[in-house]
All heavy atoms as atom14 arrays in JSON, in Angstrom:
{
  "sequence": "LWDIEVGYVTSEDIYIVKLTSNLRGKKYKYVKLNELYTREAEIIHQL",
  "atom14_mask": [
    [1, 1, 1, 1, 1, 1, 1, 1, 0, 0, 0, 0, 0, 0],
    [1, 1, 1, 1, 1, 1, 1, 1, 1, 1, 1, 1, 1, 1],
    [1, 1, 1, 1, 1, 1, 1, 1, 0, 0, 0, 0, 0, 0],
    [1, 1, 1, 1, 1, 1, 1, 1, 0, 0, 0, 0, 0, 0],
    [1, 1, 1, 1, 1, 1, 1, 1, 1, 0, 0, 0, 0, 0],
    [1, 1, 1, 1, 1, 1, 1, 0, 0, 0, 0, 0, 0, 0],
    [1, 1, 1, 1, 0, 0, 0, 0, 0, 0, 0, 0, 0, 0],
    [1, 1, 1, 1, 1, 1, 1, 1, 1, 1, 1, 1, 0, 0],
    [1, 1, 1, 1, 1, 1, 1, 0, 0, 0, 0, 0, 0, 0],
    [1, 1, 1, 1, 1, 1, 1, 0, 0, 0, 0, 0, 0, 0],
    [1, 1, 1, 1, 1, 1, 0, 0, 0, 0, 0, 0, 0, 0],
    [1, 1, 1, 1, 1, 1, 1, 1, 1, 0, 0, 0, 0, 0],
    [1, 1, 1, 1, 1, 1, 1, 1, 0, 0, 0, 0, 0, 0],
    [1, 1, 1, 1, 1, 1, 1, 1, 0, 0, 0, 0, 0, 0],
    [1, 1, 1, 1, 1, 1, 1, 1, 1, 1, 1, 1, 0, 0],
    [1, 1, 1, 1, 1, 1, 1, 1, 0, 0, 0, 0, 0, 0],
    [1, 1, 1, 1, 1, 1, 1, 0, 0, 0, 0, 0, 0, 0],
    [1, 1, 1, 1, 1, 1, 1, 1, 1, 0, 0, 0, 0, 0],
    [1, 1, 1, 1, 1, 1, 1, 1, 0, 0, 0, 0, 0, 0],
    [1, 1, 1, 1, 1, 1, 1, 0, 0, 0, 0, 0, 0, 0],
    [1, 1, 1, 1, 1, 1, 0, 0, 0, 0, 0, 0, 0, 0],
    [1, 1, 1, 1, 1, 1, 1, 1, 0, 0, 0, 0, 0, 0],
    [1, 1, 1, 1, 1, 1, 1, 1, 0, 0, 0, 0, 0, 0],
    [1, 1, 1, 1, 1, 1, 1, 1, 1, 1, 1, 0, 0, 0],
    [1, 1, 1, 1, 0, 0, 0, 0, 0, 0, 0, 0, 0, 0],
    [1, 1, 1, 1, 1, 1, 1, 1, 1, 0, 0, 0, 0, 0],
    [1, 1, 1, 1, 1, 1, 1, 1, 1, 0, 0, 0, 0, 0],
    [1, 1, 1, 1, 1, 1, 1, 1, 1, 1, 1, 1, 0, 0],
    [1, 1, 1, 1, 1, 1, 1, 1, 1, 0, 0, 0, 0, 0],
    [1, 1, 1, 1, 1, 1, 1, 1, 1, 1, 1, 1, 0, 0],
    [1, 1, 1, 1, 1, 1, 1, 0, 0, 0, 0, 0, 0, 0],
    [1, 1, 1, 1, 1, 1, 1, 1, 1, 0, 0, 0, 0, 0],
    [1, 1, 1, 1, 1, 1, 1, 1, 0, 0, 0, 0, 0, 0],
    [1, 1, 1, 1, 1, 1, 1, 1, 0, 0, 0, 0, 0, 0],
    [1, 1, 1, 1, 1, 1, 1, 1, 1, 0, 0, 0, 0, 0],
    [1, 1, 1, 1, 1, 1, 1, 1, 0, 0, 0, 0, 0, 0],
    [1, 1, 1, 1, 1, 1, 1, 1, 1, 1, 1, 1, 0, 0],
    [1, 1, 1, 1, 1, 1, 1, 0, 0, 0, 0, 0, 0, 0],
    [1, 1, 1, 1, 1, 1, 1, 1, 1, 1, 1, 0, 0, 0],
    [1, 1, 1, 1, 1, 1, 1, 1, 1, 0, 0, 0, 0, 0],
    [1, 1, 1, 1, 1, 0, 0, 0, 0, 0, 0, 0, 0, 0],
    [1, 1, 1, 1, 1, 1, 1, 1, 1, 0, 0, 0, 0, 0],
    [1, 1, 1, 1, 1, 1, 1, 1, 0, 0, 0, 0, 0, 0],
    [1, 1, 1, 1, 1, 1, 1, 1, 0, 0, 0, 0, 0, 0],
    [1, 1, 1, 1, 1, 1, 1, 1, 1, 1, 0, 0, 0, 0],
    [1, 1, 1, 1, 1, 1, 1, 1, 1, 0, 0, 0, 0, 0],
    [1, 1, 1, 1, 1, 1, 1, 1, 0, 0, 0, 0, 0, 0]
  ],
  "atom14_positions": [
    [[-7.83, 25.34, 14.39], [-6.74, 26.28, 14.27], [-6.27, 26.44, 12.89], [-5.81, 27.46, 12.49], [-5.59, 25.85, 15.17], [-5.81, 25.96, 16.71], [-4.67, 25.24, 17.45], [-5.99, 27.4, 17.11], [0.0, 0.0, 0.0], [0.0, 0.0, 0.0], [0.0, 0.0, 0.0], [0.0, 0.0, 0.0], [0.0, 0.0, 0.0], [0.0, 0.0, 0.0]],
    [[-6.31, 25.39, 12.16], [-5.75, 25.4, 10.77], [-6.67, 24.71, 9.72], [-7.33, 23.65, 10.1], [-4.37, 24.66, 10.73], [-3.28, 25.23, 11.45], [-3.0, 25.02, 12.8], [-2.38, 26.24, 11.01], [-1.97, 25.71, 13.23], [-1.5, 26.47, 12.16], [-2.16, 26.89, 9.82], [-0.42, 27.46, 12.07], [-1.1, 27.81, 9.76], [-0.29, 28.07, 10.86]],
    [[-6.84, 25.19, 8.51], [-7.46, 24.48, 7.47], [-6.25, 23.86, 6.73], [-5.28, 24.43, 6.46], [-8.12, 25.49, 6.54], [-9.42, 26.02, 7.11], [-10.01, 25.31, 8.04], [-9.87, 27.11, 6.71], [0.0, 0.0, 0.0], [0.0, 0.0, 0.0], [0.0, 0.0, 0.0], [0.0, 0.0, 0.0], [0.0, 0.0, 0.0], [0.0, 0.0, 0.0]],
    [[-6.53, 22.56, 6.43], [-5.45, 21.77, 5.74], [-5.91, 21.17, 4.42], [-6.89, 20.47, 4.37], [-5.0, 20.56, 6.74], [-4.58, 21.08, 8.02], [-3.93, 19.71, 6.02], [-4.33, 19.98, 9.09], [0.0, 0.0, 0.0], [0.0, 0.0, 0.0], [0.0, 0.0, 0.0], [0.0, 0.0, 0.0], [0.0, 0.0, 0.0], [0.0, 0.0, 0.0]],
    [[-5.17, 21.48, 3.36], [-5.5, 21.0, 2.05], [-4.32, 20.29, 1.39], [-3.15, 20.82, 1.6], [-5.93, 22.21, 1.16], [-7.14, 22.94, 1.64], [-7.45, 24.19, 0.85], [-8.04, 24.1, -0.24], [-7.03, 25.27, 1.28], [0.0, 0.0, 0.0], [0.0, 0.0, 0.0], [0.0, 0.0, 0.0], [0.0, 0.0, 0.0], [0.0, 0.0, 0.0]],
    [[-4.53, 19.21, 0.79], [-3.44, 18.45, 0.01], [-3.73, 18.59, -1.41], [-4.8, 18.31, -1.9], [-3.42, 17.02, 0.53], [-2.36, 16.32, -0.28], [-3.18, 16.9, 1.96], [0.0, 0.0, 0.0], [0.0, 0.0, 0.0], [0.0, 0.0, 0.0], [0.0, 0.0, 0.0], [0.0, 0.0, 0.0], [0.0, 0.0, 0.0], [0.0, 0.0, 0.0]],
    [[-2.78, 19.05, -2.14], [-2.88, 19.2, -3.63], [-1.86, 18.36, -4.38], [-0.82, 18.0, -3.82], [0.0, 0.0, 0.0], [0.0, 0.0, 0.0], [0.0, 0.0, 0.0], [0.0, 0.0, 0.0], [0.0, 0.0, 0.0], [0.0, 0.0, 0.0], [0.0, 0.0, 0.0], [0.0, 0.0, 0.0], [0.0, 0.0, 0.0], [0.0, 0.0, 0.0]],
    [[-2.1, 18.05, -5.64], [-1.18, 17.36, -6.45], [-1.01, 18.17, -7.7], [-1.93, 18.39, -8.49], [-1.8, 15.93, -6.83], [-0.97, 15.13, -7.74], [0.2, 14.52, -7.31], [-1.34, 14.96, -9.16], [0.99, 13.81, -8.18], [-0.56, 14.15, -9.93], [0.57, 13.59, -9.44], [1.4, 12.87, -10.3], [0.0, 0.0, 0.0], [0.0, 0.0, 0.0]],
    [[0.25, 18.59, -7.95], [0.57, 19.4, -9.06], [0.9, 18.44, -10.23], [1.95, 17.82, -10.26], [1.85, 20.29, -8.81], [2.12, 21.17, -10.08], [1.57, 21.13, -7.58], [0.0, 0.0, 0.0], [0.0, 0.0, 0.0], [0.0, 0.0, 0.0], [0.0, 0.0, 0.0], [0.0, 0.0, 0.0], [0.0, 0.0, 0.0], [0.0, 0.0, 0.0]],
    [[-0.07, 18.29, -11.13], [-0.04, 17.23, -12.1], [1.18, 17.4, -13.03], [1.86, 16.45, -13.35], [-1.3, 17.26, -12.98], [-2.39, 17.2, -12.15], [-1.36, 16.13, -13.99], [0.0, 0.0, 0.0], [0.0, 0.0, 0.0], [0.0, 0.0, 0.0], [0.0, 0.0, 0.0], [0.0, 0.0, 0.0], [0.0, 0.0, 0.0], [0.0, 0.0, 0.0]],
    [[1.58, 18.64, -13.39], [2.65, 18.78, -14.38], [4.02, 18.43, -13.86], [4.9, 18.18, -14.6], [2.69, 20.31, -14.86], [2.9, 21.18, -13.67], [0.0, 0.0, 0.0], [0.0, 0.0, 0.0], [0.0, 0.0, 0.0], [0.0, 0.0, 0.0], [0.0, 0.0, 0.0], [0.0, 0.0, 0.0], [0.0, 0.0, 0.0], [0.0, 0.0, 0.0]],
    [[4.11, 18.39, -12.54], [5.42, 18.06, -11.91], [5.39, 16.84, -11.04], [6.42, 16.51, -10.32], [5.93, 19.36, -11.13], [6.08, 20.53, -12.08], [6.73, 21.73, -11.35], [7.66, 21.46, -10.56], [6.37, 22.85, -11.63], [0.0, 0.0, 0.0], [0.0, 0.0, 0.0], [0.0, 0.0, 0.0], [0.0, 0.0, 0.0], [0.0, 0.0, 0.0]],
    [[4.21, 16.18, -10.91], [4.13, 14.86, -10.25], [4.59, 15.02, -8.78], [5.39, 14.31, -8.31], [4.94, 13.86, -10.97], [4.68, 12.39, -10.27], [3.55, 12.23, -9.75], [5.58, 11.54, -10.42], [0.0, 0.0, 0.0], [0.0, 0.0, 0.0], [0.0, 0.0, 0.0], [0.0, 0.0, 0.0], [0.0, 0.0, 0.0], [0.0, 0.0, 0.0]],
    [[4.03, 16.01, -8.1], [4.45, 16.32, -6.7], [3.26, 16.77, -5.92], [2.4, 17.46, -6.38], [5.61, 17.39, -6.64], [6.2, 17.45, -5.32], [5.05, 18.7, -7.09], [7.5, 18.27, -5.3], [0.0, 0.0, 0.0], [0.0, 0.0, 0.0], [0.0, 0.0, 0.0], [0.0, 0.0, 0.0], [0.0, 0.0, 0.0], [0.0, 0.0, 0.0]],
    [[3.24, 16.31, -4.64], [2.18, 16.72, -3.72], [2.65, 18.04, -2.92], [3.86, 18.14, -2.52], [1.97, 15.62, -2.68], [1.19, 14.4, -3.22], [1.92, 13.36, -3.68], [-0.16, 14.38, -3.24], [1.3, 12.21, -4.19], [-0.91, 13.29, -3.64], [-0.1, 12.19, -4.16], [-0.73, 11.0, -4.66], [0.0, 0.0, 0.0], [0.0, 0.0, 0.0]],
    [[1.73, 18.96, -2.7], [2.0, 20.14, -1.88], [0.92, 20.2, -0.87], [-0.28, 19.73, -1.05], [2.14, 21.39, -2.72], [0.84, 21.71, -3.45], [3.32, 21.29, -3.62], [0.96, 23.08, -4.11], [0.0, 0.0, 0.0], [0.0, 0.0, 0.0], [0.0, 0.0, 0.0], [0.0, 0.0, 0.0], [0.0, 0.0, 0.0], [0.0, 0.0, 0.0]],
    [[1.13, 20.94, 0.24], [0.13, 21.07, 1.26], [-0.03, 22.57, 1.54], [0.93, 23.33, 1.49], [0.66, 20.46, 2.6], [-0.28, 20.77, 3.69], [0.87, 18.92, 2.36], [0.0, 0.0, 0.0], [0.0, 0.0, 0.0], [0.0, 0.0, 0.0], [0.0, 0.0, 0.0], [0.0, 0.0, 0.0], [0.0, 0.0, 0.0], [0.0, 0.0, 0.0]],
    [[-1.31, 22.92, 1.69], [-1.62, 24.41, 1.98], [-2.18, 24.31, 3.4], [-3.18, 23.76, 3.7], [-2.62, 24.93, 1.06], [-2.94, 26.38, 1.31], [-4.04, 26.92, 0.34], [-4.34, 28.43, 0.68], [-5.42, 28.94, -0.24], [0.0, 0.0, 0.0], [0.0, 0.0, 0.0], [0.0, 0.0, 0.0], [0.0, 0.0, 0.0], [0.0, 0.0, 0.0]],
    [[-1.47, 25.16, 4.25], [-1.87, 25.27, 5.76], [-2.34, 26.73, 5.96], [-1.51, 27.65, 5.77], [-0.73, 24.95, 6.62], [-0.16, 23.48, 6.52], [1.19, 23.38, 7.26], [-1.23, 22.54, 7.22], [0.0, 0.0, 0.0], [0.0, 0.0, 0.0], [0.0, 0.0, 0.0], [0.0, 0.0, 0.0], [0.0, 0.0, 0.0], [0.0, 0.0, 0.0]],
    [[-3.64, 26.9, 6.24], [-4.19, 28.25, 6.4], [-4.55, 28.45, 7.91], [-5.29, 27.6, 8.46], [-5.41, 28.42, 5.55], [-5.09, 28.2, 4.23], [-5.99, 29.83, 5.71], [0.0, 0.0, 0.0], [0.0, 0.0, 0.0], [0.0, 0.0, 0.0], [0.0, 0.0, 0.0], [0.0, 0.0, 0.0], [0.0, 0.0, 0.0], [0.0, 0.0, 0.0]],
    [[-3.95, 29.4, 8.53], [-4.28, 29.71, 9.88], [-5.65, 30.32, 10.04], [-6.05, 31.17, 9.26], [-3.28, 30.64, 10.52], [-3.63, 31.09, 11.77], [0.0, 0.0, 0.0], [0.0, 0.0, 0.0], [0.0, 0.0, 0.0], [0.0, 0.0, 0.0], [0.0, 0.0, 0.0], [0.0, 0.0, 0.0], [0.0, 0.0, 0.0], [0.0, 0.0, 0.0]],
    [[-6.42, 29.93, 11.01], [-7.77, 30.47, 11.3], [-7.68, 31.59, 12.42], [-8.75, 32.09, 12.77], [-8.81, 29.38, 11.61], [-9.21, 28.64, 10.39], [-9.45, 29.24, 9.37], [-9.25, 27.3, 10.56], [0.0, 0.0, 0.0], [0.0, 0.0, 0.0], [0.0, 0.0, 0.0], [0.0, 0.0, 0.0], [0.0, 0.0, 0.0], [0.0, 0.0, 0.0]],
    [[-6.48, 31.9, 12.77], [-6.31, 33.03, 13.69], [-6.47, 34.3, 12.81], [-6.62, 34.35, 11.6], [-5.05, 33.04, 14.41], [-4.83, 31.78, 15.3], [-3.48, 31.85, 16.04], [-6.01, 31.62, 16.25], [0.0, 0.0, 0.0], [0.0, 0.0, 0.0], [0.0, 0.0, 0.0], [0.0, 0.0, 0.0], [0.0, 0.0, 0.0], [0.0, 0.0, 0.0]],
    [[-6.28, 35.51, 13.37], [-6.52, 36.7, 12.67], [-5.64, 36.83, 11.45], [-4.41, 36.51, 11.62], [-6.27, 37.96, 13.62], [-7.35, 38.06, 14.69], [-7.17, 39.32, 15.45], [-8.14, 39.52, 16.55], [-8.26, 40.6, 17.31], [-7.48, 41.63, 17.15], [-9.2, 40.7, 18.21], [0.0, 0.0, 0.0], [0.0, 0.0, 0.0], [0.0, 0.0, 0.0]],
    [[-6.08, 37.26, 10.39], [-5.25, 37.46, 9.17], [-5.54, 36.34, 8.23], [-5.21, 36.58, 6.97], [0.0, 0.0, 0.0], [0.0, 0.0, 0.0], [0.0, 0.0, 0.0], [0.0, 0.0, 0.0], [0.0, 0.0, 0.0], [0.0, 0.0, 0.0], [0.0, 0.0, 0.0], [0.0, 0.0, 0.0], [0.0, 0.0, 0.0], [0.0, 0.0, 0.0]],
    [[-5.8, 35.17, 8.6], [-6.06, 34.0, 7.7], [-4.87, 33.78, 6.72], [-5.01, 33.53, 5.61], [-7.33, 34.19, 6.92], [-8.66, 34.2, 7.76], [-9.05, 32.83, 8.19], [-9.57, 32.0, 7.0], [-10.11, 30.7, 7.49], [0.0, 0.0, 0.0], [0.0, 0.0, 0.0], [0.0, 0.0, 0.0], [0.0, 0.0, 0.0], [0.0, 0.0, 0.0]],
    [[-3.64, 33.95, 7.32], [-2.49, 33.7, 6.51], [-2.27, 32.26, 6.2], [-2.71, 31.4, 6.99], [-1.2, 34.35, 7.18], [-1.38, 35.86, 7.24], [-0.03, 36.39, 7.88], [-0.06, 37.91, 7.95], [1.21, 38.51, 8.4], [0.0, 0.0, 0.0], [0.0, 0.0, 0.0], [0.0, 0.0, 0.0], [0.0, 0.0, 0.0], [0.0, 0.0, 0.0]],
    [[-1.53, 32.0, 5.09], [-1.34, 30.58, 4.71], [0.0, 30.3, 4.22], [0.76, 31.3, 3.9], [-2.39, 30.21, 3.62], [-2.26, 30.97, 2.3], [-1.38, 30.53, 1.3], [-3.05, 32.07, 2.14], [-1.29, 31.29, 0.14], [-2.87, 32.81, 0.96], [-2.05, 32.43, -0.08], [-1.93, 33.16, -1.21], [0.0, 0.0, 0.0], [0.0, 0.0, 0.0]],
    [[0.39, 29.08, 4.11], [1.75, 28.67, 3.62], [1.56, 27.45, 2.78], [0.91, 26.47, 3.21], [2.7, 28.49, 4.83], [4.08, 28.15, 4.27], [5.01, 28.06, 5.45], [6.45, 27.75, 4.9], [6.98, 28.79, 3.9], [0.0, 0.0, 0.0], [0.0, 0.0, 0.0], [0.0, 0.0, 0.0], [0.0, 0.0, 0.0], [0.0, 0.0, 0.0]],
    [[2.17, 27.45, 1.65], [2.33, 26.24, 0.84], [3.69, 25.51, 1.13], [4.69, 26.18, 1.26], [2.31, 26.55, -0.62], [0.97, 26.74, -1.31], [0.51, 28.03, -1.58], [0.08, 25.74, -1.51], [-0.67, 28.29, -2.18], [-1.11, 25.97, -2.07], [-1.55, 27.23, -2.37], [-2.82, 27.4, -2.97], [0.0, 0.0, 0.0], [0.0, 0.0, 0.0]],
    [[3.64, 24.13, 1.31], [4.83, 23.47, 1.55], [4.84, 22.21, 0.66], [3.77, 21.47, 0.58], [4.95, 23.04, 3.02], [6.32, 22.37, 3.23], [4.76, 24.16, 3.91], [0.0, 0.0, 0.0], [0.0, 0.0, 0.0], [0.0, 0.0, 0.0], [0.0, 0.0, 0.0], [0.0, 0.0, 0.0], [0.0, 0.0, 0.0], [0.0, 0.0, 0.0]],
    [[5.97, 21.83, 0.08], [6.09, 20.48, -0.59], [6.0, 19.45, 0.44], [6.61, 19.57, 1.49], [7.39, 20.46, -1.35], [7.49, 21.33, -2.63], [8.65, 20.98, -3.41], [9.97, 21.64, -2.88], [11.09, 21.52, -3.71], [0.0, 0.0, 0.0], [0.0, 0.0, 0.0], [0.0, 0.0, 0.0], [0.0, 0.0, 0.0], [0.0, 0.0, 0.0]],
    [[5.17, 18.47, 0.21], [4.85, 17.43, 1.23], [6.15, 16.77, 1.8], [6.21, 16.64, 2.97], [3.95, 16.33, 0.67], [3.28, 15.43, 1.75], [1.95, 15.02, 1.33], [4.14, 14.17, 2.02], [0.0, 0.0, 0.0], [0.0, 0.0, 0.0], [0.0, 0.0, 0.0], [0.0, 0.0, 0.0], [0.0, 0.0, 0.0], [0.0, 0.0, 0.0]],
    [[7.09, 16.42, 0.96], [8.34, 15.83, 1.48], [9.07, 16.73, 2.44], [9.74, 16.28, 3.34], [9.19, 15.36, 0.3], [9.75, 16.53, -0.55], [8.93, 17.3, -1.03], [11.03, 16.67, -0.53], [0.0, 0.0, 0.0], [0.0, 0.0, 0.0], [0.0, 0.0, 0.0], [0.0, 0.0, 0.0], [0.0, 0.0, 0.0], [0.0, 0.0, 0.0]],
    [[8.91, 18.11, 2.25], [9.7, 18.98, 3.07], [9.09, 19.14, 4.48], [9.71, 19.65, 5.3], [9.77, 20.33, 2.43], [10.64, 20.41, 1.2], [10.81, 21.76, 0.54], [10.11, 22.63, 0.98], [11.75, 21.91, -0.28], [0.0, 0.0, 0.0], [0.0, 0.0, 0.0], [0.0, 0.0, 0.0], [0.0, 0.0, 0.0], [0.0, 0.0, 0.0]],
    [[7.9, 18.55, 4.66], [7.37, 18.56, 5.99], [8.13, 17.64, 6.93], [8.25, 17.88, 8.16], [5.93, 17.95, 5.97], [4.82, 18.83, 5.36], [3.5, 18.07, 5.23], [4.57, 20.12, 6.2], [0.0, 0.0, 0.0], [0.0, 0.0, 0.0], [0.0, 0.0, 0.0], [0.0, 0.0, 0.0], [0.0, 0.0, 0.0], [0.0, 0.0, 0.0]],
    [[8.87, 16.74, 6.29], [9.84, 15.81, 6.99], [11.21, 16.47, 7.08], [11.89, 16.51, 8.19], [9.9, 14.46, 6.45], [8.62, 13.72, 6.38], [7.68, 13.8, 5.28], [8.18, 13.01, 7.52], [6.46, 13.14, 5.29], [6.94, 12.31, 7.51], [6.15, 12.42, 6.47], [4.92, 11.69, 6.48], [0.0, 0.0, 0.0], [0.0, 0.0, 0.0]],
    [[11.74, 16.93, 5.97], [13.1, 17.35, 5.94], [13.39, 18.72, 6.48], [14.53, 19.09, 6.83], [13.58, 17.32, 4.45], [12.78, 18.24, 3.63], [13.48, 15.88, 3.79], [0.0, 0.0, 0.0], [0.0, 0.0, 0.0], [0.0, 0.0, 0.0], [0.0, 0.0, 0.0], [0.0, 0.0, 0.0], [0.0, 0.0, 0.0], [0.0, 0.0, 0.0]],
    [[12.35, 19.53, 6.62], [12.51, 20.95, 7.23], [11.57, 21.12, 8.37], [11.12, 22.23, 8.59], [12.23, 21.95, 6.05], [13.1, 21.94, 4.86], [12.57, 22.75, 3.74], [12.23, 24.14, 4.23], [11.22, 24.87, 3.74], [10.49, 24.4, 2.74], [11.07, 26.08, 4.23], [0.0, 0.0, 0.0], [0.0, 0.0, 0.0], [0.0, 0.0, 0.0]],
    [[11.44, 20.07, 9.17], [10.44, 20.14, 10.26], [10.62, 21.37, 11.12], [9.65, 22.14, 11.35], [10.52, 18.87, 11.08], [9.56, 18.92, 12.34], [9.66, 17.62, 13.1], [9.94, 16.51, 12.57], [9.29, 17.78, 14.31], [0.0, 0.0, 0.0], [0.0, 0.0, 0.0], [0.0, 0.0, 0.0], [0.0, 0.0, 0.0], [0.0, 0.0, 0.0]],
    [[11.79, 21.54, 11.78], [12.0, 22.62, 12.79], [11.74, 24.03, 12.02], [11.12, 24.89, 12.64], [13.4, 22.59, 13.33], [0.0, 0.0, 0.0], [0.0, 0.0, 0.0], [0.0, 0.0, 0.0], [0.0, 0.0, 0.0], [0.0, 0.0, 0.0], [0.0, 0.0, 0.0], [0.0, 0.0, 0.0], [0.0, 0.0, 0.0], [0.0, 0.0, 0.0]],
    [[12.25, 24.2, 10.86], [12.1, 25.47, 10.1], [10.62, 25.71, 9.81], [10.23, 26.86, 10.03], [12.93, 25.35, 8.85], [12.75, 26.64, 7.9], [13.45, 26.51, 6.56], [14.2, 25.43, 6.37], [13.34, 27.36, 5.78], [0.0, 0.0, 0.0], [0.0, 0.0, 0.0], [0.0, 0.0, 0.0], [0.0, 0.0, 0.0], [0.0, 0.0, 0.0]],
    [[9.93, 24.77, 9.4], [8.43, 24.9, 9.09], [7.64, 25.31, 10.35], [6.8, 26.09, 10.27], [7.93, 23.7, 8.31], [8.58, 23.69, 6.88], [6.36, 23.9, 8.09], [8.3, 22.41, 6.1], [0.0, 0.0, 0.0], [0.0, 0.0, 0.0], [0.0, 0.0, 0.0], [0.0, 0.0, 0.0], [0.0, 0.0, 0.0], [0.0, 0.0, 0.0]],
    [[7.88, 24.51, 11.38], [7.25, 24.79, 12.67], [7.44, 26.28, 13.09], [6.51, 27.01, 13.46], [7.68, 23.86, 13.76], [7.14, 22.45, 13.51], [7.19, 24.39, 15.13], [7.63, 21.41, 14.5], [0.0, 0.0, 0.0], [0.0, 0.0, 0.0], [0.0, 0.0, 0.0], [0.0, 0.0, 0.0], [0.0, 0.0, 0.0], [0.0, 0.0, 0.0]],
    [[8.71, 26.78, 12.93], [9.07, 28.1, 13.3], [8.31, 29.12, 12.38], [7.75, 30.13, 12.9], [10.52, 28.34, 13.16], [11.04, 29.72, 13.37], [11.04, 30.29, 14.66], [11.37, 30.74, 12.57], [11.46, 31.52, 14.6], [11.67, 31.75, 13.33], [0.0, 0.0, 0.0], [0.0, 0.0, 0.0], [0.0, 0.0, 0.0], [0.0, 0.0, 0.0]],
    [[8.23, 28.74, 11.11], [7.5, 29.69, 10.15], [6.01, 29.7, 10.44], [5.46, 30.87, 10.41], [7.77, 29.22, 8.69], [9.2, 29.42, 8.22], [9.47, 28.83, 6.87], [8.68, 27.95, 6.35], [10.61, 29.11, 6.3], [0.0, 0.0, 0.0], [0.0, 0.0, 0.0], [0.0, 0.0, 0.0], [0.0, 0.0, 0.0], [0.0, 0.0, 0.0]],
    [[5.38, 28.53, 10.75], [4.0, 28.56, 10.98], [3.62, 29.31, 12.31], [2.56, 29.86, 12.46], [3.52, 27.09, 11.11], [3.57, 26.31, 9.76], [3.21, 24.83, 9.98], [2.67, 27.01, 8.68], [0.0, 0.0, 0.0], [0.0, 0.0, 0.0], [0.0, 0.0, 0.0], [0.0, 0.0, 0.0], [0.0, 0.0, 0.0], [0.0, 0.0, 0.0]]
  ]
}
């Protein structure tokens, strides 16, 4: 259902996640890794 990639932005010492839907449109969303915890309900709604 989703392609999942974890990236590390070297210049800012932070991890981000790219979630790409494999349903029609192949839309994607970048999220700071720590926000997967602090914004759980909001991110689920957006996805």
